[in-house]
Amino acid sequence: MVTVALLVRLEAKPGKEADVERFLQGGLPLAQQEPATTAWFALRLGPSTFGIFDAFPDEAGRQAHLAGQIAAALMAQASELLAQPPSIERVDVLAAKLP
């Protein structure tokens, strides 16, 4: 069961779109190591717009993810890759279908 999630929107700097895509693809192994990250998706929303959606069973899991390696790597590379700081929204999950 998941109850909380994060919805992150990322806007790549011009010419950095492929770098952002590679960065997000590289996040999957890290997400797989997080026991409280129930679902993790890296998304391409448009030519230079990307996103991350991840879901957690509780607030502790969400906080662990925010303090983890993916968030640290994103913040470390944000000024190089992104046109603006990431938009990070904390959302509640009202219903979910998971495998």
Protein backbone atom coordinates (compact mmCIF):
# COMPACT_ATOMS: atom_id res chain seq x y z
CA MET A 1 0.00 0.00 0.00
CA VAL A 2 1.24 3.47 -0.81
CA THR A 3 -0.09 6.57 0.88
CA VAL A 4 2.31 9.37 -0.10
CA ALA A 5 4.35 10.29 -3.16
CA LEU A 6 6.58 12.86 -4.78
CA LEU A 7 5.91 14.53 -8.11
CA VAL A 8 9.04 16.22 -9.44
CA ARG A 9 9.20 18.35 -12.57
CA LEU A 10 12.54 19.06 -14.24
CA GLU A 11 13.25 21.49 -17.08
CA ALA A 12 16.53 20.79 -18.89
CA LYS A 13 18.83 23.57 -19.96
CA PRO A 14 19.03 23.92 -23.75
CA GLY A 15 21.39 21.26 -25.05
CA LYS A 16 21.28 19.27 -21.79
CA GLU A 17 18.20 17.15 -22.60
CA ALA A 18 20.19 13.97 -23.32
CA ASP A 19 22.20 14.48 -20.12
CA VAL A 20 19.02 14.78 -18.04
CA GLU A 21 17.63 11.65 -19.69
CA ARG A 22 20.82 9.70 -18.88
CA PHE A 23 20.80 11.03 -15.33
CA LEU A 24 17.24 9.83 -14.79
CA GLN A 25 17.92 6.42 -16.33
CA GLY A 26 20.88 6.08 -13.97
CA GLY A 27 18.59 6.66 -10.99
CA LEU A 28 16.77 3.35 -11.40
CA PRO A 29 19.42 1.16 -9.72
CA LEU A 30 19.51 3.58 -6.79
CA ALA A 31 15.71 3.54 -6.46
CA GLN A 32 15.75 -0.26 -6.53
CA GLN A 33 18.00 -0.21 -3.45
CA GLU A 34 15.51 1.84 -1.42
CA PRO A 35 13.21 -0.58 0.42
CA ALA A 36 10.57 2.08 1.14
CA THR A 37 10.36 3.27 -2.49
CA THR A 38 7.40 1.20 -3.64
CA ALA A 39 7.20 2.72 -7.12
CA TRP A 40 9.61 4.95 -9.04
CA PHE A 41 9.14 6.37 -12.52
CA ALA A 42 11.41 8.62 -14.59
CA LEU A 43 9.35 10.47 -17.21
CA ARG A 44 9.80 12.55 -20.32
CA LEU A 45 6.93 15.03 -20.55
CA GLY A 46 8.14 17.02 -23.55
CA PRO A 47 11.27 17.88 -25.54
CA SER A 48 13.02 19.46 -22.55
CA THR A 49 10.64 18.64 -19.69
CA PHE A 50 11.17 15.61 -17.50
CA GLY A 51 9.66 14.27 -14.32
CA ILE A 52 9.95 11.77 -11.52
CA PHE A 53 7.03 10.15 -9.76
CA ASP A 54 7.72 7.95 -6.78
CA ALA A 55 5.44 6.48 -4.13
CA PHE A 56 5.96 5.33 -0.57
CA PRO A 57 4.02 3.48 2.12
CA ASP A 58 4.37 6.34 4.60
CA GLU A 59 6.01 9.66 5.39
CA ALA A 60 9.10 7.94 6.82
CA GLY A 61 9.71 6.26 3.47
CA ARG A 62 9.28 9.54 1.61
CA GLN A 63 11.70 11.28 3.97
CA ALA A 64 14.25 8.48 3.57
CA HIS A 65 14.08 8.92 -0.20
CA LEU A 66 14.47 12.69 0.04
CA ALA A 67 17.58 12.13 2.17
CA GLY A 68 18.92 9.45 -0.18
CA GLN A 69 21.38 9.21 -3.05
CA ILE A 70 19.02 10.14 -5.90
CA ALA A 71 17.97 13.42 -4.29
CA ALA A 72 21.58 14.24 -3.38
CA ALA A 73 22.77 13.57 -6.94
CA LEU A 74 19.93 15.63 -8.41
CA MET A 75 20.67 18.62 -6.23
CA ALA A 76 24.41 18.33 -6.91
CA GLN A 77 23.85 18.42 -10.70
CA ALA A 78 20.80 20.69 -10.85
CA SER A 79 22.68 23.90 -11.68
CA GLU A 80 24.56 22.18 -14.51
CA LEU A 81 21.61 20.31 -16.06
CA LEU A 82 18.46 22.26 -15.24
CA ALA A 83 17.12 25.61 -16.42
CA GLN A 84 15.52 26.16 -13.00
CA PRO A 85 15.48 24.37 -9.65
CA PRO A 86 13.43 21.15 -9.58
CA SER A 87 9.78 21.57 -8.66
CA ILE A 88 9.16 19.00 -5.90
CA GLU A 89 5.58 18.44 -4.81
CA ARG A 90 4.63 16.23 -1.88
CA VAL A 91 1.36 14.52 -2.75
CA ASP A 92 -1.04 12.11 -1.07
CA VAL A 93 -1.99 8.93 -2.91
CA LEU A 94 -5.76 8.44 -2.85
CA ALA A 95 -5.82 5.11 -4.72
CA ALA A 96 -3.25 2.92 -6.45
CA LYS A 97 -2.97 -0.30 -8.42
CA LEU A 98 0.40 -1.98 -8.03
CA PRO A 99 1.58 -5.44 -9.12
